[in-house]
């Protein structure tokens, strides 16, 4: 059994600071590359693998475009998938940071769904 990352839906939501409304929301940078890295980094163990699942996460995107924090908001029901999703987002995901009305990069939040499927 092999698990792979089948897809990802991105939705940028509110800025991390309530007073900061970005003039431009954060957007994924080189998404295909980091999705492949997340797929490659899925933990392989000798225990039976889950059949797959959806993990909904919320990430904090720093002013440098890197994921500074990740929280599971809807679990897949499999701890290994949930942990792999957040670990992969923190390690590999990169964004063009949100830009505030003053033209400066701003910390922001995004919600992302990672779907793992068993590709046998």
N, C-alpha and C. Protein backbone atom coordinates (compact mmCIF):
# COMPACT_ATOMS: atom_id res chain seq x y z
N UNK A 1 0.83 -1.17 0.00
CA UNK A 1 0.00 0.00 0.00
C UNK A 1 0.88 1.24 0.00
N UNK A 2 0.48 2.19 -0.80
CA UNK A 2 1.22 3.44 -0.87
C UNK A 2 0.22 4.58 -0.78
N UNK A 3 0.55 5.58 -0.01
CA UNK A 3 -0.30 6.75 0.09
C UNK A 3 0.28 7.86 -0.75
N UNK A 4 -0.58 8.60 -1.38
CA UNK A 4 -0.09 9.75 -2.14
C UNK A 4 -0.99 10.94 -1.90
N UNK A 5 -0.44 12.09 -2.17
CA UNK A 5 -1.19 13.31 -2.04
C UNK A 5 -1.94 13.52 -3.34
N UNK A 6 -3.25 13.44 -3.29
CA UNK A 6 -4.05 13.50 -4.50
C UNK A 6 -4.38 14.93 -4.91
N UNK A 7 -4.58 15.78 -3.97
CA UNK A 7 -4.95 17.13 -4.35
C UNK A 7 -4.96 18.07 -3.18
N UNK A 8 -5.08 19.34 -3.48
CA UNK A 8 -5.07 20.33 -2.43
C UNK A 8 -5.92 21.51 -2.87
N UNK A 9 -6.76 21.96 -1.99
CA UNK A 9 -7.56 23.14 -2.26
C UNK A 9 -7.09 24.24 -1.33
N UNK A 10 -6.88 25.41 -1.85
CA UNK A 10 -6.37 26.50 -1.03
C UNK A 10 -7.42 27.60 -0.92
N UNK A 11 -7.53 28.15 0.26
CA UNK A 11 -8.43 29.26 0.49
C UNK A 11 -7.76 30.16 1.51
N UNK A 12 -7.42 31.35 1.11
CA UNK A 12 -6.86 32.31 2.05
C UNK A 12 -8.02 32.97 2.77
N UNK A 13 -7.92 33.01 4.10
CA UNK A 13 -8.99 33.62 4.87
C UNK A 13 -8.47 34.91 5.50
N UNK A 14 -8.91 35.24 6.66
CA UNK A 14 -8.58 36.52 7.29
C UNK A 14 -7.10 36.65 7.61
N UNK A 15 -6.63 37.88 7.66
CA UNK A 15 -5.27 38.16 8.09
C UNK A 15 -5.13 37.79 9.56
N UNK A 16 -3.92 37.45 9.98
CA UNK A 16 -3.68 37.02 11.35
C UNK A 16 -3.95 38.15 12.34
N UNK A 17 -3.65 39.36 11.98
CA UNK A 17 -3.90 40.50 12.83
C UNK A 17 -5.26 41.10 12.46
N UNK A 18 -6.18 41.24 13.42
CA UNK A 18 -7.51 41.73 13.09
C UNK A 18 -7.50 43.11 12.43
N UNK A 19 -6.49 43.93 12.72
CA UNK A 19 -6.46 45.28 12.17
C UNK A 19 -5.83 45.32 10.78
N UNK A 20 -5.27 44.22 10.32
CA UNK A 20 -4.57 44.22 9.03
C UNK A 20 -5.43 43.57 7.96
N UNK A 21 -5.86 44.34 6.99
CA UNK A 21 -6.57 43.81 5.84
C UNK A 21 -5.61 43.82 4.66
N UNK A 22 -5.20 42.65 4.20
CA UNK A 22 -4.21 42.65 3.12
C UNK A 22 -4.78 43.21 1.83
N UNK A 23 -3.97 44.02 1.17
CA UNK A 23 -4.35 44.53 -0.14
C UNK A 23 -4.25 43.41 -1.16
N UNK A 24 -3.42 42.42 -0.86
CA UNK A 24 -3.28 41.24 -1.70
C UNK A 24 -3.12 40.04 -0.77
N UNK A 25 -3.98 39.03 -0.90
CA UNK A 25 -3.84 37.86 -0.02
C UNK A 25 -2.62 37.03 -0.40
N UNK A 26 -2.21 36.18 0.51
CA UNK A 26 -1.11 35.25 0.23
C UNK A 26 -1.54 34.30 -0.88
N UNK A 27 -0.56 33.84 -1.67
CA UNK A 27 -0.85 32.88 -2.73
C UNK A 27 0.27 31.84 -2.77
N UNK A 28 -0.06 30.61 -3.15
CA UNK A 28 0.96 29.55 -3.19
C UNK A 28 2.08 29.90 -4.18
N UNK A 29 3.30 29.57 -3.80
CA UNK A 29 4.45 29.75 -4.67
C UNK A 29 5.01 28.37 -5.03
N UNK A 30 5.09 28.05 -6.30
CA UNK A 30 5.65 26.78 -6.79
C UNK A 30 4.94 25.58 -6.14
N UNK A 31 3.62 25.62 -6.15
CA UNK A 31 2.80 24.64 -5.44
C UNK A 31 3.05 23.20 -5.90
N UNK A 32 3.22 22.97 -7.18
CA UNK A 32 3.44 21.60 -7.65
C UNK A 32 4.69 20.99 -7.02
N UNK A 33 5.73 21.78 -6.87
CA UNK A 33 6.97 21.29 -6.29
C UNK A 33 6.77 20.90 -4.83
N UNK A 34 6.13 21.78 -4.05
CA UNK A 34 5.99 21.43 -2.64
C UNK A 34 4.94 20.36 -2.39
N UNK A 35 3.94 20.26 -3.26
CA UNK A 35 3.01 19.14 -3.13
C UNK A 35 3.73 17.81 -3.34
N UNK A 36 4.62 17.77 -4.32
CA UNK A 36 5.40 16.55 -4.57
C UNK A 36 6.27 16.22 -3.36
N UNK A 37 6.86 17.24 -2.74
CA UNK A 37 7.70 17.02 -1.55
C UNK A 37 6.88 16.48 -0.39
N UNK A 38 5.67 17.02 -0.21
CA UNK A 38 4.80 16.53 0.86
C UNK A 38 4.47 15.06 0.61
N UNK A 39 4.18 14.71 -0.63
CA UNK A 39 3.88 13.32 -0.99
C UNK A 39 5.08 12.42 -0.70
N UNK A 40 6.26 12.83 -1.11
CA UNK A 40 7.47 12.02 -0.90
C UNK A 40 7.80 11.85 0.57
N UNK A 41 7.40 12.79 1.41
CA UNK A 41 7.79 12.75 2.82
C UNK A 41 6.80 12.00 3.70
N UNK A 42 5.74 11.45 3.11
CA UNK A 42 4.78 10.72 3.94
C UNK A 42 5.49 9.58 4.66
N UNK A 43 5.30 9.45 5.97
CA UNK A 43 6.04 8.44 6.74
C UNK A 43 5.69 7.01 6.33
N UNK A 44 6.68 6.24 6.00
CA UNK A 44 6.50 4.82 5.66
C UNK A 44 6.86 4.00 6.90
N UNK A 45 5.95 3.15 7.33
CA UNK A 45 6.18 2.33 8.51
C UNK A 45 5.84 0.88 8.20
N UNK A 46 6.14 0.01 9.12
CA UNK A 46 5.80 -1.41 8.96
C UNK A 46 4.37 -1.70 9.40
N UNK A 47 3.72 -0.71 9.97
CA UNK A 47 2.34 -0.92 10.41
C UNK A 47 1.40 -0.71 9.23
N UNK A 48 0.23 -1.30 9.26
CA UNK A 48 -0.70 -1.11 8.15
C UNK A 48 -1.02 0.37 7.95
N UNK A 49 -1.00 0.78 6.73
CA UNK A 49 -1.27 2.19 6.41
C UNK A 49 -2.77 2.44 6.39
N UNK A 50 -3.17 3.65 6.76
CA UNK A 50 -4.58 3.99 6.62
C UNK A 50 -4.98 3.95 5.15
N UNK A 51 -6.25 3.79 4.88
CA UNK A 51 -6.69 3.71 3.49
C UNK A 51 -6.71 5.08 2.83
N UNK A 52 -6.57 6.11 3.58
CA UNK A 52 -6.56 7.47 3.05
C UNK A 52 -7.43 8.37 3.90
N UNK A 53 -7.54 9.60 3.49
CA UNK A 53 -8.38 10.53 4.22
C UNK A 53 -8.11 11.96 3.84
N UNK A 54 -8.97 12.82 4.36
CA UNK A 54 -8.85 14.27 4.14
C UNK A 54 -8.40 14.92 5.44
N UNK A 55 -7.44 15.82 5.33
CA UNK A 55 -6.98 16.57 6.48
C UNK A 55 -7.15 18.05 6.15
N UNK A 56 -7.94 18.74 6.93
CA UNK A 56 -8.12 20.18 6.75
C UNK A 56 -7.24 20.87 7.77
N UNK A 57 -6.35 21.73 7.29
CA UNK A 57 -5.43 22.43 8.18
C UNK A 57 -5.56 23.93 8.00
N UNK A 58 -5.20 24.64 9.04
CA UNK A 58 -5.08 26.09 8.96
C UNK A 58 -3.61 26.41 9.19
N UNK A 59 -3.03 27.19 8.29
CA UNK A 59 -1.62 27.55 8.42
C UNK A 59 -1.48 29.05 8.60
N UNK A 60 -0.47 29.43 9.37
CA UNK A 60 -0.08 30.82 9.51
C UNK A 60 1.08 31.04 8.55
N UNK A 61 0.92 31.98 7.65
CA UNK A 61 1.95 32.29 6.65
C UNK A 61 2.68 33.53 7.13
N UNK A 62 3.99 33.38 7.34
CA UNK A 62 4.80 34.50 7.81
C UNK A 62 5.07 35.52 6.72
N UNK A 63 5.66 36.63 7.11
CA UNK A 63 5.98 37.69 6.15
C UNK A 63 7.02 37.24 5.13
N UNK A 64 7.73 36.14 5.43
CA UNK A 64 8.71 35.59 4.48
C UNK A 64 8.10 34.55 3.55
N UNK A 65 6.80 34.26 3.70
CA UNK A 65 6.13 33.29 2.84
C UNK A 65 6.20 31.86 3.33
N UNK A 66 6.89 31.62 4.44
CA UNK A 66 6.98 30.27 4.99
C UNK A 66 5.84 30.03 5.97
N UNK A 67 5.46 28.76 6.09
CA UNK A 67 4.42 28.37 7.05
C UNK A 67 5.04 28.37 8.44
N UNK A 68 4.55 29.26 9.28
CA UNK A 68 5.08 29.41 10.63
C UNK A 68 4.38 28.49 11.63
N UNK A 69 3.12 28.14 11.35
CA UNK A 69 2.36 27.28 12.26
C UNK A 69 1.28 26.56 11.46
N UNK A 70 0.89 25.41 11.98
CA UNK A 70 -0.13 24.59 11.33
C UNK A 70 -0.99 23.93 12.39
N UNK A 71 -2.29 23.98 12.19
CA UNK A 71 -3.24 23.35 13.10
C UNK A 71 -4.24 22.54 12.29
N UNK A 72 -4.50 21.31 12.73
CA UNK A 72 -5.53 20.49 12.08
C UNK A 72 -6.89 21.01 12.53
N UNK A 73 -7.73 21.38 11.56
CA UNK A 73 -9.08 21.86 11.91
C UNK A 73 -10.14 20.80 11.64
N UNK A 74 -9.86 19.86 10.75
CA UNK A 74 -10.71 18.69 10.53
C UNK A 74 -9.80 17.49 10.35
N UNK A 75 -9.85 16.58 11.29
CA UNK A 75 -8.96 15.41 11.26
C UNK A 75 -9.40 14.39 10.20
N UNK A 76 -8.42 13.65 9.74
CA UNK A 76 -8.68 12.54 8.82
C UNK A 76 -9.16 11.32 9.60
N UNK A 77 -8.94 11.35 10.90
CA UNK A 77 -9.22 10.19 11.73
C UNK A 77 -8.00 9.31 11.92
N UNK A 78 -6.92 9.63 11.20
CA UNK A 78 -5.66 8.88 11.32
C UNK A 78 -4.56 9.85 11.73
N UNK A 79 -4.03 9.63 12.91
CA UNK A 79 -3.01 10.53 13.46
C UNK A 79 -1.82 10.70 12.51
N UNK A 80 -1.39 9.61 11.87
CA UNK A 80 -0.23 9.69 10.96
C UNK A 80 -0.50 10.64 9.80
N UNK A 81 -1.72 10.62 9.25
CA UNK A 81 -2.05 11.52 8.14
C UNK A 81 -2.10 12.97 8.63
N UNK A 82 -2.72 13.19 9.78
CA UNK A 82 -2.82 14.55 10.32
C UNK A 82 -1.43 15.14 10.57
N UNK A 83 -0.57 14.35 11.21
CA UNK A 83 0.78 14.83 11.51
C UNK A 83 1.59 15.05 10.23
N UNK A 84 1.46 14.15 9.27
CA UNK A 84 2.19 14.29 8.01
C UNK A 84 1.75 15.54 7.25
N UNK A 85 0.46 15.85 7.31
CA UNK A 85 -0.05 17.03 6.62
C UNK A 85 0.57 18.30 7.18
N UNK A 86 0.53 18.46 8.49
CA UNK A 86 1.11 19.67 9.09
C UNK A 86 2.63 19.70 8.96
N UNK A 87 3.27 18.58 9.15
CA UNK A 87 4.72 18.54 9.00
C UNK A 87 5.13 18.92 7.58
N UNK A 88 4.45 18.37 6.60
CA UNK A 88 4.75 18.69 5.21
C UNK A 88 4.50 20.14 4.88
N UNK A 89 3.42 20.70 5.39
CA UNK A 89 3.13 22.11 5.13
C UNK A 89 4.22 23.00 5.74
N UNK A 90 4.64 22.71 6.96
CA UNK A 90 5.68 23.54 7.59
C UNK A 90 7.03 23.39 6.90
N UNK A 91 7.34 22.20 6.46
CA UNK A 91 8.65 21.97 5.82
C UNK A 91 8.73 22.49 4.39
N UNK A 92 7.67 22.28 3.62
CA UNK A 92 7.79 22.47 2.18
C UNK A 92 6.94 23.58 1.57
N UNK A 93 5.80 23.89 2.15
CA UNK A 93 4.90 24.87 1.52
C UNK A 93 5.51 26.27 1.57
N UNK A 94 5.41 26.97 0.46
CA UNK A 94 5.88 28.34 0.36
C UNK A 94 4.80 29.17 -0.33
N UNK A 95 4.67 30.38 0.14
CA UNK A 95 3.66 31.29 -0.38
C UNK A 95 4.30 32.63 -0.74
N UNK A 96 3.65 33.34 -1.62
CA UNK A 96 3.93 34.76 -1.79
C UNK A 96 3.14 35.40 -0.65
N UNK A 97 3.82 36.13 0.25
CA UNK A 97 3.11 36.62 1.43
C UNK A 97 2.01 37.63 1.08
N UNK A 98 1.06 37.75 2.00
CA UNK A 98 0.03 38.77 1.85
C UNK A 98 0.70 40.14 1.92
N UNK A 99 0.14 41.09 1.20
CA UNK A 99 0.65 42.46 1.21
C UNK A 99 -0.45 43.36 1.76
N UNK A 100 -0.09 44.14 2.76
CA UNK A 100 -1.05 45.05 3.38
C UNK A 100 -1.27 46.29 2.54
N UNK A 101 -2.24 47.08 2.96
CA UNK A 101 -2.57 48.32 2.26
C UNK A 101 -1.38 49.28 2.22
N UNK A 102 -0.46 49.13 3.17
CA UNK A 102 0.73 49.97 3.19
C UNK A 102 1.84 49.45 2.28
N UNK A 103 1.56 48.33 1.58
CA UNK A 103 2.54 47.77 0.66
C UNK A 103 3.55 46.84 1.31
N UNK A 104 3.42 46.59 2.59
CA UNK A 104 4.36 45.74 3.33
C UNK A 104 3.80 44.32 3.48
N UNK A 105 4.69 43.31 3.49
CA UNK A 105 4.24 41.93 3.73
C UNK A 105 3.57 41.82 5.10
N UNK A 106 2.54 41.00 5.16
CA UNK A 106 1.78 40.78 6.38
C UNK A 106 1.64 39.30 6.65
N UNK A 107 1.63 38.94 7.93
CA UNK A 107 1.30 37.57 8.33
C UNK A 107 -0.16 37.33 7.98
N UNK A 108 -0.48 36.13 7.54
CA UNK A 108 -1.87 35.82 7.20
C UNK A 108 -2.17 34.36 7.48
N UNK A 109 -3.43 33.99 7.33
CA UNK A 109 -3.87 32.63 7.54
C UNK A 109 -4.41 32.06 6.23
N UNK A 110 -4.26 30.76 6.08
CA UNK A 110 -4.86 30.06 4.95
C UNK A 110 -5.37 28.72 5.45
N UNK A 111 -6.45 28.26 4.87
CA UNK A 111 -6.96 26.92 5.16
C UNK A 111 -6.76 26.08 3.92
N UNK A 112 -6.30 24.88 4.14
CA UNK A 112 -5.93 23.98 3.06
C UNK A 112 -6.44 22.59 3.37
N UNK A 113 -6.96 21.90 2.38
CA UNK A 113 -7.36 20.51 2.54
C UNK A 113 -6.38 19.64 1.78
N UNK A 114 -5.80 18.70 2.46
CA UNK A 114 -4.89 17.73 1.85
C UNK A 114 -5.62 16.40 1.80
N UNK A 115 -5.67 15.80 0.62
CA UNK A 115 -6.38 14.55 0.44
C UNK A 115 -5.36 13.45 0.15
N UNK A 116 -5.34 12.46 1.01
CA UNK A 116 -4.49 11.28 0.80
C UNK A 116 -5.37 10.15 0.30
N UNK A 117 -4.92 9.45 -0.73
CA UNK A 117 -5.64 8.29 -1.23
C UNK A 117 -4.67 7.11 -1.34
N UNK A 118 -5.21 5.93 -1.16
CA UNK A 118 -4.41 4.73 -1.29
C UNK A 118 -4.29 4.41 -2.77
N UNK A 119 -3.07 4.44 -3.30
CA UNK A 119 -2.88 4.18 -4.74
C UNK A 119 -2.46 2.75 -5.03
N UNK A 120 -2.34 1.92 -3.99
CA UNK A 120 -1.95 0.51 -4.07
C UNK A 120 -0.86 0.30 -5.07
